[in-house]
């Protein structure tokens, strides 16, 4: 039986707030696209860990690292987020 962790992300833009849920593999896919399309630093995404990947402490640590990762991306693209990032954060559902 394979288990995986889902990370819950609170997004707020202006008066809008919503939640998106992603697995680490979704972050990895996003990162690969941003590295190739937008020349993002390859080392920005926290590394994938195999051993103890579902331990509570690792999940909490990775949650914080992924939060910093997303905040860093949003600072890097202050005016218009790349389409792949906007889609990842579900901007299209909430921001007109």
C-alpha atoms as a PDB file:
ATOM      1  CA  UNK A   1       0.000   0.000   0.000  1.00  0.00           C
ATOM      2  CA  UNK A   2       1.408   3.326  -1.041  1.00  0.00           C
ATOM      3  CA  UNK A   3       0.551   6.438   0.905  1.00  0.00           C
ATOM      4  CA  UNK A   4       1.261  10.023   0.079  1.00  0.00           C
ATOM      5  CA  UNK A   5       1.052  13.388   1.767  1.00  0.00           C
ATOM      6  CA  UNK A   6      -1.226  16.145   0.536  1.00  0.00           C
ATOM      7  CA  UNK A   7      -0.199  19.699   1.365  1.00  0.00           C
ATOM      8  CA  UNK A   8      -2.955  22.225   1.993  1.00  0.00           C
ATOM      9  CA  UNK A   9      -2.188  25.731   0.781  1.00  0.00           C
ATOM     10  CA  UNK A  10      -4.098  28.834   1.889  1.00  0.00           C
ATOM     11  CA  UNK A  11      -4.062  31.432  -0.879  1.00  0.00           C
ATOM     12  CA  UNK A  12      -5.185  35.028  -0.401  1.00  0.00           C
ATOM     13  CA  UNK A  13      -5.437  37.761  -2.998  1.00  0.00           C
ATOM     14  CA  UNK A  14      -7.116  40.976  -1.919  1.00  0.00           C
ATOM     15  CA  UNK A  15     -10.398  40.005  -0.260  1.00  0.00           C
ATOM     16  CA  UNK A  16     -10.389  36.521  -1.794  1.00  0.00           C
ATOM     17  CA  UNK A  17      -9.166  33.500   0.158  1.00  0.00           C
ATOM     18  CA  UNK A  18      -9.185  29.872  -0.879  1.00  0.00           C
ATOM     19  CA  UNK A  19      -7.471  26.546  -0.306  1.00  0.00           C
ATOM     20  CA  UNK A  20      -5.686  24.324  -2.792  1.00  0.00           C
ATOM     21  CA  UNK A  21      -4.310  20.856  -2.147  1.00  0.00           C
ATOM     22  CA  UNK A  22      -1.270  19.370  -3.841  1.00  0.00           C
ATOM     23  CA  UNK A  23       1.059  16.419  -3.474  1.00  0.00           C
ATOM     24  CA  UNK A  24       4.812  16.944  -3.499  1.00  0.00           C
ATOM     25  CA  UNK A  25       4.877  15.525  -7.034  1.00  0.00           C
ATOM     26  CA  UNK A  26       2.628  18.418  -8.143  1.00  0.00           C
ATOM     27  CA  UNK A  27       5.161  20.887  -6.727  1.00  0.00           C
ATOM     28  CA  UNK A  28       7.913  18.991  -8.531  1.00  0.00           C
ATOM     29  CA  UNK A  29       6.035  19.175 -11.855  1.00  0.00           C
ATOM     30  CA  UNK A  30       5.407  22.900 -11.344  1.00  0.00           C
ATOM     31  CA  UNK A  31       9.068  23.449 -10.538  1.00  0.00           C
ATOM     32  CA  UNK A  32      10.274  21.559 -13.621  1.00  0.00           C
ATOM     33  CA  UNK A  33       8.088  23.750 -15.845  1.00  0.00           C
ATOM     34  CA  UNK A  34       9.242  26.966 -14.144  1.00  0.00           C
ATOM     35  CA  UNK A  35      12.898  25.949 -14.389  1.00  0.00           C
ATOM     36  CA  UNK A  36      12.592  25.341 -18.124  1.00  0.00           C
ATOM     37  CA  UNK A  37      10.219  28.207 -19.013  1.00  0.00           C
ATOM     38  CA  UNK A  38      11.216  30.946 -16.548  1.00  0.00           C
ATOM     39  CA  UNK A  39      14.775  29.966 -15.610  1.00  0.00           C
ATOM     40  CA  UNK A  40      13.939  29.546 -11.912  1.00  0.00           C
ATOM     41  CA  UNK A  41      16.824  28.334  -9.715  1.00  0.00           C
ATOM     42  CA  UNK A  42      16.786  24.519  -9.811  1.00  0.00           C
ATOM     43  CA  UNK A  43      17.651  24.370  -6.096  1.00  0.00           C
ATOM     44  CA  UNK A  44      14.706  26.498  -4.978  1.00  0.00           C
ATOM     45  CA  UNK A  45      12.366  23.523  -4.450  1.00  0.00           C
ATOM     46  CA  UNK A  46      13.032  21.531  -1.255  1.00  0.00           C
ATOM     47  CA  UNK A  47      14.475  18.118  -2.157  1.00  0.00           C
ATOM     48  CA  UNK A  48      12.419  14.965  -2.294  1.00  0.00           C
ATOM     49  CA  UNK A  49      13.072  12.685   0.654  1.00  0.00           C
ATOM     50  CA  UNK A  50      12.382   8.973   0.540  1.00  0.00           C
ATOM     51  CA  UNK A  51      13.176   7.702   4.044  1.00  0.00           C
ATOM     52  CA  UNK A  52      10.618   8.694   6.662  1.00  0.00           C
ATOM     53  CA  UNK A  53       8.733  10.787   4.142  1.00  0.00           C
ATOM     54  CA  UNK A  54       5.467  10.578   6.067  1.00  0.00           C
ATOM     55  CA  UNK A  55       6.872  11.227   9.540  1.00  0.00           C
ATOM     56  CA  UNK A  56       5.081  14.096  11.249  1.00  0.00           C
ATOM     57  CA  UNK A  57       8.246  16.168  11.705  1.00  0.00           C
ATOM     58  CA  UNK A  58       9.281  15.787   8.057  1.00  0.00           C
ATOM     59  CA  UNK A  59       5.773  16.635   6.834  1.00  0.00           C
ATOM     60  CA  UNK A  60       5.708  19.785   8.991  1.00  0.00           C
ATOM     61  CA  UNK A  61       9.206  20.792   7.870  1.00  0.00           C
ATOM     62  CA  UNK A  62       8.370  20.233   4.209  1.00  0.00           C
ATOM     63  CA  UNK A  63       5.085  22.146   4.592  1.00  0.00           C
ATOM     64  CA  UNK A  64       7.076  25.177   5.795  1.00  0.00           C
ATOM     65  CA  UNK A  65       9.676  24.766   3.031  1.00  0.00           C
ATOM     66  CA  UNK A  66       6.983  24.537   0.356  1.00  0.00           C
ATOM     67  CA  UNK A  67       5.319  27.644   1.774  1.00  0.00           C
ATOM     68  CA  UNK A  68       8.622  29.539   1.502  1.00  0.00           C
ATOM     69  CA  UNK A  69       9.027  28.159  -2.028  1.00  0.00           C
ATOM     70  CA  UNK A  70       5.631  29.521  -3.137  1.00  0.00           C
ATOM     71  CA  UNK A  71       6.187  32.873  -1.415  1.00  0.00           C
ATOM     72  CA  UNK A  72       9.563  33.170  -3.156  1.00  0.00           C
ATOM     73  CA  UNK A  73       7.925  32.499  -6.526  1.00  0.00           C
ATOM     74  CA  UNK A  74       5.247  35.122  -5.902  1.00  0.00           C
ATOM     75  CA  UNK A  75       7.897  37.685  -4.941  1.00  0.00           C
ATOM     76  CA  UNK A  76       9.821  36.820  -8.116  1.00  0.00           C
ATOM     77  CA  UNK A  77       6.707  37.455 -10.234  1.00  0.00           C
ATOM     78  CA  UNK A  78       5.035  40.393  -8.421  1.00  0.00           C
ATOM     79  CA  UNK A  79       2.888  41.649 -11.286  1.00  0.00           C
ATOM     80  CA  UNK A  80       1.879  38.610 -13.292  1.00  0.00           C
ATOM     81  CA  UNK A  81       2.461  35.051 -12.149  1.00  0.00           C
ATOM     82  CA  UNK A  82       3.414  32.605 -14.918  1.00  0.00           C
ATOM     83  CA  UNK A  83       0.421  30.714 -16.286  1.00  0.00           C
ATOM     84  CA  UNK A  84       1.599  27.407 -14.803  1.00  0.00           C
ATOM     85  CA  UNK A  85       1.882  28.984 -11.317  1.00  0.00           C
ATOM     86  CA  UNK A  86      -1.490  30.727 -11.612  1.00  0.00           C
ATOM     87  CA  UNK A  87      -3.068  27.412 -12.582  1.00  0.00           C
ATOM     88  CA  UNK A  88      -1.311  25.610  -9.708  1.00  0.00           C
ATOM     89  CA  UNK A  89      -2.744  28.120  -7.221  1.00  0.00           C
ATOM     90  CA  UNK A  90      -6.182  28.136  -8.928  1.00  0.00           C
ATOM     91  CA  UNK A  91      -6.097  31.907  -9.535  1.00  0.00           C
ATOM     92  CA  UNK A  92      -8.365  31.417 -12.548  1.00  0.00           C
ATOM     93  CA  UNK A  93     -11.228  30.325 -10.285  1.00  0.00           C
ATOM     94  CA  UNK A  94     -11.117  33.307  -7.950  1.00  0.00           C
ATOM     95  CA  UNK A  95      -9.470  36.322  -9.566  1.00  0.00           C
ATOM     96  CA  UNK A  96     -11.062  38.056 -12.514  1.00  0.00           C
END
